PDB file of all heavy atoms in Angstrom:
ATOM      1  N   GLU A   1     115.814 -34.314 -30.247  1.00  0.00           N
ATOM      2  CA  GLU A   1     115.291 -34.749 -31.574  1.00  0.00           C
ATOM      3  C   GLU A   1     116.031 -36.003 -32.076  1.00  0.00           C
ATOM      4  O   GLU A   1     115.591 -36.701 -32.930  1.00  0.00           O
ATOM      5  CB  GLU A   1     115.433 -33.610 -32.606  1.00  0.00           C
ATOM      6  CG  GLU A   1     114.509 -32.406 -32.323  1.00  0.00           C
ATOM      7  CD  GLU A   1     114.569 -31.477 -33.471  1.00  0.00           C
ATOM      8  OE1 GLU A   1     113.890 -31.638 -34.462  1.00  0.00           O
ATOM      9  OE2 GLU A   1     115.367 -30.493 -33.350  1.00  0.00           O
ATOM     10  N   GLU A   2     117.177 -36.263 -31.495  1.00  0.00           N
ATOM     11  CA  GLU A   2     117.957 -37.466 -31.840  1.00  0.00           C
ATOM     12  C   GLU A   2     117.117 -38.739 -31.611  1.00  0.00           C
ATOM     13  O   GLU A   2     117.353 -39.755 -32.226  1.00  0.00           O
ATOM     14  CB  GLU A   2     119.281 -37.580 -31.135  1.00  0.00           C
ATOM     15  CG  GLU A   2     120.256 -36.490 -31.537  1.00  0.00           C
ATOM     16  CD  GLU A   2     120.042 -35.152 -30.849  1.00  0.00           C
ATOM     17  OE1 GLU A   2     119.137 -35.107 -29.963  1.00  0.00           O
ATOM     18  OE2 GLU A   2     120.690 -34.138 -31.142  1.00  0.00           O
ATOM     19  N   ILE A   3     116.180 -38.694 -30.681  1.00  0.00           N
ATOM     20  CA  ILE A   3     115.313 -39.795 -30.361  1.00  0.00           C
ATOM     21  C   ILE A   3     114.476 -40.120 -31.576  1.00  0.00           C
ATOM     22  O   ILE A   3     114.213 -41.314 -31.909  1.00  0.00           O
ATOM     23  CB  ILE A   3     114.469 -39.537 -29.124  1.00  0.00           C
ATOM     24  CG1 ILE A   3     115.364 -39.465 -27.865  1.00  0.00           C
ATOM     25  CG2 ILE A   3     113.366 -40.629 -28.953  1.00  0.00           C
ATOM     26  CD1 ILE A   3     114.639 -39.106 -26.631  1.00  0.00           C
ATOM     27  N   GLY A   4     113.996 -39.103 -32.282  1.00  0.00           N
ATOM     28  CA  GLY A   4     113.216 -39.293 -33.505  1.00  0.00           C
ATOM     29  C   GLY A   4     114.110 -39.966 -34.647  1.00  0.00           C
ATOM     30  O   GLY A   4     113.596 -40.817 -35.350  1.00  0.00           O
ATOM     31  N   ILE A   5     115.297 -39.632 -34.701  1.00  0.00           N
ATOM     32  CA  ILE A   5     116.249 -40.172 -35.644  1.00  0.00           C
ATOM     33  C   ILE A   5     116.430 -41.717 -35.273  1.00  0.00           C
ATOM     34  O   ILE A   5     116.474 -42.541 -36.162  1.00  0.00           O
ATOM     35  CB  ILE A   5     117.618 -39.464 -35.640  1.00  0.00           C
ATOM     36  CG1 ILE A   5     117.465 -38.021 -36.120  1.00  0.00           C
ATOM     37  CG2 ILE A   5     118.643 -40.160 -36.563  1.00  0.00           C
ATOM     38  CD1 ILE A   5     118.690 -37.159 -35.968  1.00  0.00           C
ATOM     39  N   PHE A   6     116.640 -41.978 -33.991  1.00  0.00           N
ATOM     40  CA  PHE A   6     116.831 -43.370 -33.537  1.00  0.00           C
ATOM     41  C   PHE A   6     115.653 -44.208 -33.937  1.00  0.00           C
ATOM     42  O   PHE A   6     115.909 -45.290 -34.503  1.00  0.00           O
ATOM     43  CB  PHE A   6     117.006 -43.368 -31.993  1.00  0.00           C
ATOM     44  CG  PHE A   6     117.061 -44.653 -31.330  1.00  0.00           C
ATOM     45  CD1 PHE A   6     118.168 -45.403 -31.416  1.00  0.00           C
ATOM     46  CD2 PHE A   6     115.960 -45.118 -30.598  1.00  0.00           C
ATOM     47  CE1 PHE A   6     118.235 -46.666 -30.799  1.00  0.00           C
ATOM     48  CE2 PHE A   6     116.017 -46.366 -29.962  1.00  0.00           C
ATOM     49  CZ  PHE A   6     117.118 -47.133 -30.060  1.00  0.00           C
ATOM     50  N   PHE A   7     114.447 -43.781 -33.697  1.00  0.00           N
ATOM     51  CA  PHE A   7     113.290 -44.516 -34.020  1.00  0.00           C
ATOM     52  C   PHE A   7     113.029 -44.578 -35.500  1.00  0.00           C
ATOM     53  O   PHE A   7     112.546 -45.621 -36.029  1.00  0.00           O
ATOM     54  CB  PHE A   7     112.047 -44.045 -33.307  1.00  0.00           C
ATOM     55  CG  PHE A   7     111.985 -44.350 -31.846  1.00  0.00           C
ATOM     56  CD1 PHE A   7     111.752 -43.359 -30.889  1.00  0.00           C
ATOM     57  CD2 PHE A   7     112.197 -45.689 -31.368  1.00  0.00           C
ATOM     58  CE1 PHE A   7     111.739 -43.711 -29.564  1.00  0.00           C
ATOM     59  CE2 PHE A   7     112.121 -46.043 -30.072  1.00  0.00           C
ATOM     60  CZ  PHE A   7     111.956 -45.067 -29.081  1.00  0.00           C
ATOM     61  N   GLY A   8     113.385 -43.493 -36.215  1.00  0.00           N
ATOM     62  CA  GLY A   8     113.168 -43.503 -37.668  1.00  0.00           C
ATOM     63  C   GLY A   8     114.090 -44.539 -38.362  1.00  0.00           C
ATOM     64  O   GLY A   8     113.625 -45.192 -39.255  1.00  0.00           O
ATOM     65  N   ASN A   9     115.328 -44.589 -37.839  1.00  0.00           N
ATOM     66  CA  ASN A   9     116.199 -45.672 -38.444  1.00  0.00           C
ATOM     67  C   ASN A   9     115.736 -47.054 -38.143  1.00  0.00           C
ATOM     68  O   ASN A   9     115.799 -47.964 -38.924  1.00  0.00           O
ATOM     69  CB  ASN A   9     117.623 -45.410 -37.966  1.00  0.00           C
ATOM     70  CG  ASN A   9     118.267 -44.173 -38.695  1.00  0.00           C
ATOM     71  OD1 ASN A   9     118.049 -43.926 -39.827  1.00  0.00           O
ATOM     72  ND2 ASN A   9     119.119 -43.459 -37.923  1.00  0.00           N
ATOM     73  N   TRP A  10     115.352 -47.262 -36.923  1.00  0.00           N
ATOM     74  CA  TRP A  10     114.915 -48.537 -36.436  1.00  0.00           C
ATOM     75  C   TRP A  10     113.709 -49.044 -37.231  1.00  0.00           C
ATOM     76  O   TRP A  10     113.674 -50.102 -37.794  1.00  0.00           O
ATOM     77  CB  TRP A  10     114.607 -48.544 -34.890  1.00  0.00           C
ATOM     78  CG  TRP A  10     114.446 -49.876 -34.303  1.00  0.00           C
ATOM     79  CD1 TRP A  10     114.232 -51.031 -34.927  1.00  0.00           C
ATOM     80  CD2 TRP A  10     114.332 -50.149 -32.850  1.00  0.00           C
ATOM     81  NE1 TRP A  10     114.024 -52.077 -33.960  1.00  0.00           N
ATOM     82  CE2 TRP A  10     114.121 -51.558 -32.735  1.00  0.00           C
ATOM     83  CE3 TRP A  10     114.402 -49.368 -31.748  1.00  0.00           C
ATOM     84  CZ2 TRP A  10     113.962 -52.100 -31.488  1.00  0.00           C
ATOM     85  CZ3 TRP A  10     114.271 -49.956 -30.478  1.00  0.00           C
ATOM     86  CH2 TRP A  10     114.004 -51.319 -30.333  1.00  0.00           C
ATOM     87  N   ILE A  11     112.638 -48.225 -37.189  1.00  0.00           N
ATOM     88  CA  ILE A  11     111.455 -48.583 -37.864  1.00  0.00           C
ATOM     89  C   ILE A  11     111.649 -48.603 -39.373  1.00  0.00           C
ATOM     90  O   ILE A  11     111.085 -49.515 -40.099  1.00  0.00           O
ATOM     91  CB  ILE A  11     110.279 -47.606 -37.530  1.00  0.00           C
ATOM     92  CG1 ILE A  11     109.982 -47.691 -36.045  1.00  0.00           C
ATOM     93  CG2 ILE A  11     109.018 -47.908 -38.368  1.00  0.00           C
ATOM     94  CD1 ILE A  11     108.959 -46.682 -35.525  1.00  0.00           C
ATOM     95  N   GLY A  12     112.431 -47.741 -39.891  1.00  0.00           N
ATOM     96  CA  GLY A  12     112.753 -47.747 -41.342  1.00  0.00           C
ATOM     97  C   GLY A  12     113.340 -48.980 -41.822  1.00  0.00           C
ATOM     98  O   GLY A  12     113.002 -49.531 -42.886  1.00  0.00           O
ATOM     99  N   GLU A  13     114.274 -49.536 -40.979  1.00  0.00           N
ATOM    100  CA  GLU A  13     114.941 -50.805 -41.395  1.00  0.00           C
ATOM    101  C   GLU A  13     113.875 -51.963 -41.330  1.00  0.00           C
ATOM    102  O   GLU A  13     113.879 -52.848 -42.226  1.00  0.00           O
ATOM    103  CB  GLU A  13     116.025 -51.134 -40.387  1.00  0.00           C
ATOM    104  CG  GLU A  13     117.272 -50.197 -40.609  1.00  0.00           C
ATOM    105  CD  GLU A  13     118.325 -50.445 -39.599  1.00  0.00           C
ATOM    106  OE1 GLU A  13     118.154 -51.403 -38.710  1.00  0.00           O
ATOM    107  OE2 GLU A  13     119.346 -49.749 -39.568  1.00  0.00           O
ATOM    108  N   ILE A  14     112.976 -51.958 -40.358  1.00  0.00           N
ATOM    109  CA  ILE A  14     111.933 -52.960 -40.291  1.00  0.00           C
ATOM    110  C   ILE A  14     111.056 -52.969 -41.512  1.00  0.00           C
ATOM    111  O   ILE A  14     110.832 -53.965 -42.140  1.00  0.00           O
ATOM    112  CB  ILE A  14     111.080 -52.802 -39.025  1.00  0.00           C
ATOM    113  CG1 ILE A  14     111.898 -53.028 -37.727  1.00  0.00           C
ATOM    114  CG2 ILE A  14     109.872 -53.748 -39.033  1.00  0.00           C
ATOM    115  CD1 ILE A  14     111.218 -52.720 -36.459  1.00  0.00           C
ATOM    116  N   LEU A  15     110.612 -51.825 -41.839  1.00  0.00           N
ATOM    117  CA  LEU A  15     109.630 -51.652 -42.982  1.00  0.00           C
ATOM    118  C   LEU A  15     110.244 -51.867 -44.344  1.00  0.00           C
ATOM    119  O   LEU A  15     109.637 -52.445 -45.272  1.00  0.00           O
ATOM    120  CB  LEU A  15     108.958 -50.277 -42.951  1.00  0.00           C
ATOM    121  CG  LEU A  15     108.176 -49.967 -41.704  1.00  0.00           C
ATOM    122  CD1 LEU A  15     107.436 -48.669 -41.822  1.00  0.00           C
ATOM    123  CD2 LEU A  15     107.152 -51.098 -41.386  1.00  0.00           C
ATOM    124  N   SER A  16     111.523 -51.456 -44.450  1.00  0.00           N
ATOM    125  CA  SER A  16     112.204 -51.660 -45.809  1.00  0.00           C
ATOM    126  C   SER A  16     112.492 -53.096 -46.084  1.00  0.00           C
ATOM    127  O   SER A  16     112.673 -53.502 -47.258  1.00  0.00           O
ATOM    128  CB  SER A  16     113.441 -50.806 -45.840  1.00  0.00           C
ATOM    129  OG  SER A  16     114.439 -51.230 -44.851  1.00  0.00           O
ATOM    130  N   GLU A  17     112.588 -53.908 -45.009  1.00  0.00           N
ATOM    131  CA  GLU A  17     112.996 -55.316 -45.219  1.00  0.00           C
ATOM    132  C   GLU A  17     111.774 -56.172 -45.587  1.00  0.00           C
ATOM    133  O   GLU A  17     111.951 -57.182 -46.207  1.00  0.00           O
ATOM    134  CB  GLU A  17     113.595 -55.842 -43.921  1.00  0.00           C
ATOM    135  CG  GLU A  17     114.988 -55.338 -43.676  1.00  0.00           C
ATOM    136  CD  GLU A  17     115.569 -55.822 -42.302  1.00  0.00           C
ATOM    137  OE1 GLU A  17     114.844 -56.517 -41.619  1.00  0.00           O
ATOM    138  OE2 GLU A  17     116.713 -55.527 -42.015  1.00  0.00           O
ATOM    139  N   ASN A  18     110.567 -55.775 -45.235  1.00  0.00           N
ATOM    140  CA  ASN A  18     109.384 -56.640 -45.503  1.00  0.00           C
ATOM    141  C   ASN A  18     108.508 -56.075 -46.633  1.00  0.00           C
ATOM    142  O   ASN A  18     107.539 -56.797 -46.979  1.00  0.00           O
ATOM    143  CB  ASN A  18     108.542 -56.915 -44.271  1.00  0.00           C
ATOM    144  CG  ASN A  18     108.026 -55.620 -43.608  1.00  0.00           C
ATOM    145  OD1 ASN A  18     107.698 -54.674 -44.306  1.00  0.00           O
ATOM    146  ND2 ASN A  18     108.050 -55.589 -42.339  1.00  0.00           N
ATOM    147  N   GLU A  19     108.767 -54.911 -47.080  1.00  0.00           N
ATOM    148  CA  GLU A  19     108.003 -54.287 -48.213  1.00  0.00           C
ATOM    149  C   GLU A  19     106.538 -54.086 -47.922  1.00  0.00           C
ATOM    150  O   GLU A  19     105.749 -53.882 -48.872  1.00  0.00           O
ATOM    151  CB  GLU A  19     108.209 -55.139 -49.461  1.00  0.00           C
ATOM    152  CG  GLU A  19     109.682 -55.230 -49.947  1.00  0.00           C
ATOM    153  CD  GLU A  19     109.815 -55.973 -51.235  1.00  0.00           C
ATOM    154  OE1 GLU A  19     108.834 -56.582 -51.700  1.00  0.00           O
ATOM    155  OE2 GLU A  19     110.911 -55.853 -51.852  1.00  0.00           O
ATOM    156  N   GLU A  20     106.088 -54.146 -46.660  1.00  0.00           N
ATOM    157  CA  GLU A  20     104.706 -53.955 -46.394  1.00  0.00           C
ATOM    158  C   GLU A  20     104.265 -52.512 -46.771  1.00  0.00           C
ATOM    159  O   GLU A  20     103.072 -52.352 -47.102  1.00  0.00           O
ATOM    160  CB  GLU A  20     104.408 -54.233 -44.889  1.00  0.00           C
ATOM    161  CG  GLU A  20     104.332 -55.642 -44.573  1.00  0.00           C
ATOM    162  CD  GLU A  20     103.103 -56.352 -45.051  1.00  0.00           C
ATOM    163  OE1 GLU A  20     102.123 -55.639 -45.355  1.00  0.00           O
ATOM    164  OE2 GLU A  20     103.050 -57.542 -45.114  1.00  0.00           O
ATOM    165  N   PHE A  21     105.167 -51.577 -46.706  1.00  0.00           N
ATOM    166  CA  PHE A  21     104.742 -50.174 -46.981  1.00  0.00           C
ATOM    167  C   PHE A  21     105.434 -49.746 -48.315  1.00  0.00           C
ATOM    168  O   PHE A  21     105.580 -48.563 -48.526  1.00  0.00           O
ATOM    169  CB  PHE A  21     105.162 -49.306 -45.810  1.00  0.00           C
ATOM    170  CG  PHE A  21     104.358 -49.451 -44.587  1.00  0.00           C
ATOM    171  CD1 PHE A  21     104.572 -50.496 -43.726  1.00  0.00           C
ATOM    172  CD2 PHE A  21     103.350 -48.549 -44.340  1.00  0.00           C
ATOM    173  CE1 PHE A  21     103.810 -50.649 -42.585  1.00  0.00           C
ATOM    174  CE2 PHE A  21     102.553 -48.732 -43.209  1.00  0.00           C
ATOM    175  CZ  PHE A  21     102.747 -49.757 -42.306  1.00  0.00           C
ATOM    176  N   SER A  22     105.727 -50.686 -49.165  1.00  0.00           N
ATOM    177  CA  SER A  22     106.444 -50.351 -50.428  1.00  0.00           C
ATOM    178  C   SER A  22     105.492 -49.593 -51.423  1.00  0.00           C
ATOM    179  O   SER A  22     106.052 -48.983 -52.333  1.00  0.00           O
ATOM    180  CB  SER A  22     106.916 -51.622 -51.128  1.00  0.00           C
ATOM    181  OG  SER A  22     105.806 -52.495 -51.393  1.00  0.00           O
ATOM    182  N   THR A  23     104.208 -49.566 -51.153  1.00  0.00           N
ATOM    183  CA  THR A  23     103.282 -48.910 -52.103  1.00  0.00           C
ATOM    184  C   THR A  23     103.071 -47.416 -51.744  1.00  0.00           C
ATOM    185  O   THR A  23     102.310 -46.703 -52.334  1.00  0.00           O
ATOM    186  CB  THR A  23     101.945 -49.603 -52.236  1.00  0.00           C
ATOM    187  OG1 THR A  23     101.335 -49.651 -50.969  1.00  0.00           O
ATOM    188  CG2 THR A  23     102.136 -51.069 -52.735  1.00  0.00           C
ATOM    189  N   VAL A  24     103.638 -47.018 -50.584  1.00  0.00           N
ATOM    190  CA  VAL A  24     103.419 -45.650 -50.113  1.00  0.00           C
ATOM    191  C   VAL A  24     104.060 -44.680 -51.111  1.00  0.00           C
ATOM    192  O   VAL A  24     105.203 -44.799 -51.469  1.00  0.00           O
ATOM    193  CB  VAL A  24     104.041 -45.526 -48.658  1.00  0.00           C
ATOM    194  CG1 VAL A  24     104.076 -44.010 -48.298  1.00  0.00           C
ATOM    195  CG2 VAL A  24     103.215 -46.291 -47.688  1.00  0.00           C
ATOM    196  N   ASP A  25     103.294 -43.590 -51.423  1.00  0.00           N
ATOM    197  CA  ASP A  25     103.742 -42.607 -52.351  1.00  0.00           C
ATOM    198  C   ASP A  25     104.319 -41.447 -51.628  1.00  0.00           C
ATOM    199  O   ASP A  25     105.221 -40.730 -52.083  1.00  0.00           O
ATOM    200  CB  ASP A  25     102.606 -42.139 -53.267  1.00  0.00           C
ATOM    201  CG  ASP A  25     102.135 -43.276 -54.149  1.00  0.00           C
ATOM    202  OD1 ASP A  25     102.905 -43.765 -54.940  1.00  0.00           O
ATOM    203  OD2 ASP A  25     100.915 -43.654 -53.957  1.00  0.00           O
ATOM    204  N   PHE A  26     103.738 -41.068 -50.422  1.00  0.00           N
ATOM    205  CA  PHE A  26     104.210 -39.910 -49.701  1.00  0.00           C
ATOM    206  C   PHE A  26     104.133 -40.189 -48.179  1.00  0.00           C
ATOM    207  O   PHE A  26     103.231 -40.910 -47.707  1.00  0.00           O
ATOM    208  CB  PHE A  26     103.306 -38.629 -50.004  1.00  0.00           C
ATOM    209  CG  PHE A  26     103.364 -38.187 -51.362  1.00  0.00           C
ATOM    210  CD1 PHE A  26     102.351 -38.508 -52.287  1.00  0.00           C
ATOM    211  CD2 PHE A  26     104.421 -37.423 -51.877  1.00  0.00           C
ATOM    212  CE1 PHE A  26     102.418 -38.100 -53.578  1.00  0.00           C
ATOM    213  CE2 PHE A  26     104.479 -36.952 -53.148  1.00  0.00           C
ATOM    214  CZ  PHE A  26     103.482 -37.301 -54.026  1.00  0.00           C
ATOM    215  N   ILE A  27     105.021 -39.600 -47.449  1.00  0.00           N
ATOM    216  CA  ILE A  27     104.997 -39.577 -45.995  1.00  0.00           C
ATOM    217  C   ILE A  27     104.606 -38.191 -45.463  1.00  0.00           C
ATOM    218  O   ILE A  27     105.182 -37.233 -45.912  1.00  0.00           O
ATOM    219  CB  ILE A  27     106.380 -39.947 -45.418  1.00  0.00           C
ATOM    220  CG1 ILE A  27     106.837 -41.396 -45.895  1.00  0.00           C
ATOM    221  CG2 ILE A  27     106.349 -39.982 -43.877  1.00  0.00           C
ATOM    222  CD1 ILE A  27     108.226 -41.678 -45.551  1.00  0.00           C
ATOM    223  N   LEU A  28     103.630 -38.191 -44.599  1.00  0.00           N
ATOM    224  CA  LEU A  28     103.082 -36.915 -44.177  1.00  0.00           C
ATOM    225  C   LEU A  28     102.998 -36.847 -42.706  1.00  0.00           C
ATOM    226  O   LEU A  28     102.431 -37.690 -42.008  1.00  0.00           O
ATOM    227  CB  LEU A  28     101.628 -36.764 -44.756  1.00  0.00           C
ATOM    228  CG  LEU A  28     101.002 -35.378 -44.874  1.00  0.00           C
ATOM    229  CD1 LEU A  28     101.808 -34.557 -45.880  1.00  0.00           C
ATOM    230  CD2 LEU A  28      99.602 -35.509 -45.309  1.00  0.00           C
ATOM    231  N   PRO A  29     103.697 -35.836 -42.050  1.00  0.00           N
ATOM    232  CA  PRO A  29     103.650 -35.800 -40.553  1.00  0.00           C
ATOM    233  C   PRO A  29     102.353 -35.107 -40.063  1.00  0.00           C
ATOM    234  O   PRO A  29     101.791 -34.247 -40.747  1.00  0.00           O
ATOM    235  CB  PRO A  29     104.860 -34.842 -40.236  1.00  0.00           C
ATOM    236  CG  PRO A  29     104.902 -33.903 -41.420  1.00  0.00           C
ATOM    237  CD  PRO A  29     104.521 -34.775 -42.634  1.00  0.00           C
ATOM    238  N   VAL A  30     101.949 -35.541 -38.873  1.00  0.00           N
ATOM    239  CA  VAL A  30     100.820 -34.803 -38.229  1.00  0.00           C
ATOM    240  C   VAL A  30     101.443 -33.416 -37.825  1.00  0.00           C
ATOM    241  O   VAL A  30     102.468 -33.391 -37.145  1.00  0.00           O
ATOM    242  CB  VAL A  30     100.327 -35.549 -36.947  1.00  0.00           C
ATOM    243  CG1 VAL A  30      99.398 -34.602 -36.152  1.00  0.00           C
ATOM    244  CG2 VAL A  30      99.636 -36.790 -37.346  1.00  0.00           C
ATOM    245  N   PRO A  31     100.855 -32.331 -38.347  1.00  0.00           N
ATOM    246  CA  PRO A  31     101.501 -30.979 -38.076  1.00  0.00           C
ATOM    247  C   PRO A  31     101.107 -30.484 -36.705  1.00  0.00           C
ATOM    248  O   PRO A  31     100.099 -30.908 -36.107  1.00  0.00           O
ATOM    249  CB  PRO A  31     100.824 -30.169 -39.134  1.00  0.00           C
ATOM    250  CG  PRO A  31      99.481 -30.795 -39.376  1.00  0.00           C
ATOM    251  CD  PRO A  31      99.662 -32.242 -39.216  1.00  0.00           C
ATOM    252  N   ILE A  32     101.953 -29.673 -36.132  1.00  0.00           N
ATOM    253  CA  ILE A  32     101.612 -28.947 -34.939  1.00  0.00           C
ATOM    254  C   ILE A  32     101.309 -27.522 -35.317  1.00  0.00           C
ATOM    255  O   ILE A  32     101.713 -27.055 -36.386  1.00  0.00           O
ATOM    256  CB  ILE A  32     102.720 -28.966 -33.881  1.00  0.00           C
ATOM    257  CG1 ILE A  32     104.042 -28.321 -34.368  1.00  0.00           C
ATOM    258  CG2 ILE A  32     102.993 -30.434 -33.464  1.00  0.00           C
ATOM    259  CD1 ILE A  32     105.117 -28.265 -33.318  1.00  0.00           C
ATOM    260  N   HIS A  33     100.573 -26.821 -34.511  1.00  0.00           N
ATOM    261  CA  HIS A  33     100.176 -25.430 -34.830  1.00  0.00           C
ATOM    262  C   HIS A  33     101.380 -24.541 -34.907  1.00  0.00           C
ATOM    263  O   HIS A  33     102.381 -24.747 -34.172  1.00  0.00           O
ATOM    264  CB  HIS A  33      99.213 -24.964 -33.724  1.00  0.00           C
ATOM    265  CG  HIS A  33      98.473 -23.632 -34.179  1.00  0.00           C
ATOM    266  ND1 HIS A  33      99.068 -22.359 -33.983  1.00  0.00           N
ATOM    267  CD2 HIS A  33      97.313 -23.425 -34.832  1.00  0.00           C
ATOM    268  CE1 HIS A  33      98.220 -21.508 -34.440  1.00  0.00           C
ATOM    269  NE2 HIS A  33      97.182 -22.088 -34.989  1.00  0.00           N
ATOM    270  N   ALA A  34     101.346 -23.605 -35.868  1.00  0.00           N
ATOM    271  CA  ALA A  34     102.499 -22.702 -36.067  1.00  0.00           C
ATOM    272  C   ALA A  34     102.981 -21.995 -34.778  1.00  0.00           C
ATOM    273  O   ALA A  34     104.189 -21.840 -34.599  1.00  0.00           O
ATOM    274  CB  ALA A  34     102.116 -21.648 -37.140  1.00  0.00           C
ATOM    275  N   LYS A  35     102.020 -21.599 -33.977  1.00  0.00           N
ATOM    276  CA  LYS A  35     102.454 -20.940 -32.685  1.00  0.00           C
ATOM    277  C   LYS A  35     103.166 -21.887 -31.753  1.00  0.00           C
ATOM    278  O   LYS A  35     104.170 -21.566 -31.160  1.00  0.00           O
ATOM    279  CB  LYS A  35     101.171 -20.390 -31.951  1.00  0.00           C
ATOM    280  CG  LYS A  35     100.520 -19.208 -32.682  1.00  0.00           C
ATOM    281  CD  LYS A  35      99.327 -18.718 -31.883  1.00  0.00           C
ATOM    282  CE  LYS A  35      98.658 -17.529 -32.555  1.00  0.00           C
ATOM    283  NZ  LYS A  35      97.486 -17.028 -31.837  1.00  0.00           N
ATOM    284  N   LYS A  36     102.697 -23.154 -31.692  1.00  0.00           N
ATOM    285  CA  LYS A  36     103.387 -24.089 -30.813  1.00  0.00           C
ATOM    286  C   LYS A  36     104.762 -24.468 -31.391  1.00  0.00           C
ATOM    287  O   LYS A  36     105.700 -24.606 -30.603  1.00  0.00           O
ATOM    288  CB  LYS A  36     102.523 -25.361 -30.716  1.00  0.00           C
ATOM    289  CG  LYS A  36     103.075 -26.436 -29.748  1.00  0.00           C
ATOM    290  CD  LYS A  36     102.220 -27.643 -29.588  1.00  0.00           C
ATOM    291  CE  LYS A  36     100.982 -27.293 -28.734  1.00  0.00           C
ATOM    292  NZ  LYS A  36     100.149 -28.515 -28.438  1.00  0.00           N
ATOM    293  N   GLN A  37     104.863 -24.536 -32.726  1.00  0.00           N
ATOM    294  CA  GLN A  37     106.117 -24.899 -33.344  1.00  0.00           C
ATOM    295  C   GLN A  37     107.139 -23.733 -33.068  1.00  0.00           C
ATOM    296  O   GLN A  37     108.354 -24.027 -32.917  1.00  0.00           O
ATOM    297  CB  GLN A  37     105.963 -25.178 -34.802  1.00  0.00           C
ATOM    298  CG  GLN A  37     107.240 -25.568 -35.474  1.00  0.00           C
ATOM    299  CD  GLN A  37     107.089 -26.443 -36.717  1.00  0.00           C
ATOM    300  OE1 GLN A  37     106.092 -27.121 -36.895  1.00  0.00           O
ATOM    301  NE2 GLN A  37     108.088 -26.495 -37.503  1.00  0.00           N
ATOM    302  N   LYS A  38     106.647 -22.521 -33.121  1.00  0.00           N
ATOM    303  CA  LYS A  38     107.536 -21.390 -32.858  1.00  0.00           C
ATOM    304  C   LYS A  38     108.085 -21.413 -31.529  1.00  0.00           C
ATOM    305  O   LYS A  38     109.266 -21.112 -31.297  1.00  0.00           O
ATOM    306  CB  LYS A  38     106.764 -20.054 -33.111  1.00  0.00           C
ATOM    307  CG  LYS A  38     107.631 -18.853 -33.042  1.00  0.00           C
ATOM    308  CD  LYS A  38     106.895 -17.580 -33.336  1.00  0.00           C
ATOM    309  CE  LYS A  38     107.807 -16.359 -33.293  1.00  0.00           C
ATOM    310  NZ  LYS A  38     107.083 -15.083 -33.682  1.00  0.00           N
ATOM    311  N   ILE A  39     107.238 -21.774 -30.548  1.00  0.00           N
ATOM    312  CA  ILE A  39     107.667 -21.864 -29.108  1.00  0.00           C
ATOM    313  C   ILE A  39     108.636 -23.043 -28.897  1.00  0.00           C
ATOM    314  O   ILE A  39     109.681 -22.967 -28.319  1.00  0.00           O
ATOM    315  CB  ILE A  39     106.385 -21.985 -28.207  1.00  0.00           C
ATOM    316  CG1 ILE A  39     105.574 -20.709 -28.234  1.00  0.00           C
ATOM    317  CG2 ILE A  39     106.915 -22.308 -26.733  1.00  0.00           C
ATOM    318  CD1 ILE A  39     104.267 -20.879 -27.525  1.00  0.00           C
ATOM    319  N   ARG A  40     108.227 -24.237 -29.449  1.00  0.00           N
ATOM    320  CA  ARG A  40     109.068 -25.404 -29.249  1.00  0.00           C
ATOM    321  C   ARG A  40     110.270 -25.398 -30.141  1.00  0.00           C
ATOM    322  O   ARG A  40     111.324 -25.972 -29.770  1.00  0.00           O
ATOM    323  CB  ARG A  40     108.177 -26.659 -29.556  1.00  0.00           C
ATOM    324  CG  ARG A  40     108.897 -27.928 -29.246  1.00  0.00           C
ATOM    325  CD  ARG A  40     107.934 -29.146 -29.583  1.00  0.00           C
ATOM    326  NE  ARG A  40     106.761 -29.231 -28.768  1.00  0.00           N
ATOM    327  CZ  ARG A  40     105.752 -30.035 -28.954  1.00  0.00           C
ATOM    328  NH1 ARG A  40     105.851 -30.924 -29.957  1.00  0.00           N
ATOM    329  NH2 ARG A  40     104.712 -30.019 -28.189  1.00  0.00           N
ATOM    330  N   GLY A  41     110.117 -24.840 -31.329  1.00  0.00           N
ATOM    331  CA  GLY A  41     111.263 -24.781 -32.292  1.00  0.00           C
ATOM    332  C   GLY A  41     111.322 -25.905 -33.267  1.00  0.00           C
ATOM    333  O   GLY A  41     112.162 -25.932 -34.147  1.00  0.00           O
ATOM    334  N   TYR A  42     110.395 -26.890 -33.135  1.00  0.00           N
ATOM    335  CA  TYR A  42     110.477 -28.065 -34.058  1.00  0.00           C
ATOM    336  C   TYR A  42     109.201 -28.844 -33.941  1.00  0.00           C
ATOM    337  O   TYR A  42     108.474 -28.806 -32.914  1.00  0.00           O
ATOM    338  CB  TYR A  42     111.676 -28.913 -33.776  1.00  0.00           C
ATOM    339  CG  TYR A  42     111.646 -29.517 -32.350  1.00  0.00           C
ATOM    340  CD1 TYR A  42     111.202 -30.812 -32.176  1.00  0.00           C
ATOM    341  CD2 TYR A  42     112.109 -28.784 -31.210  1.00  0.00           C
ATOM    342  CE1 TYR A  42     111.153 -31.392 -30.880  1.00  0.00           C
ATOM    343  CE2 TYR A  42     112.072 -29.308 -29.939  1.00  0.00           C
ATOM    344  CZ  TYR A  42     111.557 -30.596 -29.736  1.00  0.00           C
ATOM    345  OH  TYR A  42     111.544 -31.163 -28.509  1.00  0.00           O
ATOM    346  N   ASN A  43     108.935 -29.672 -34.964  1.00  0.00           N
ATOM    347  CA  ASN A  43     107.907 -30.701 -34.906  1.00  0.00           C
ATOM    348  C   ASN A  43     108.620 -31.950 -34.550  1.00  0.00           C
ATOM    349  O   ASN A  43     109.575 -32.407 -35.180  1.00  0.00           O
ATOM    350  CB  ASN A  43     107.172 -30.830 -36.201  1.00  0.00           C
ATOM    351  CG  ASN A  43     106.052 -31.846 -36.180  1.00  0.00           C
ATOM    352  OD1 ASN A  43     106.055 -32.808 -35.424  1.00  0.00           O
ATOM    353  ND2 ASN A  43     105.126 -31.702 -37.110  1.00  0.00           N
TER     354      ASN A  43
END
């Protein structure tokens, strides 16, 4: 999951610098099914 953190910080820095997504009110993940998340342990 650290790979998600790595890309989150990288992309987050890009977007926070140019304000292209400054009007976003909420961030919403594509969900995985509850059964799959139980098996995998995470989204």
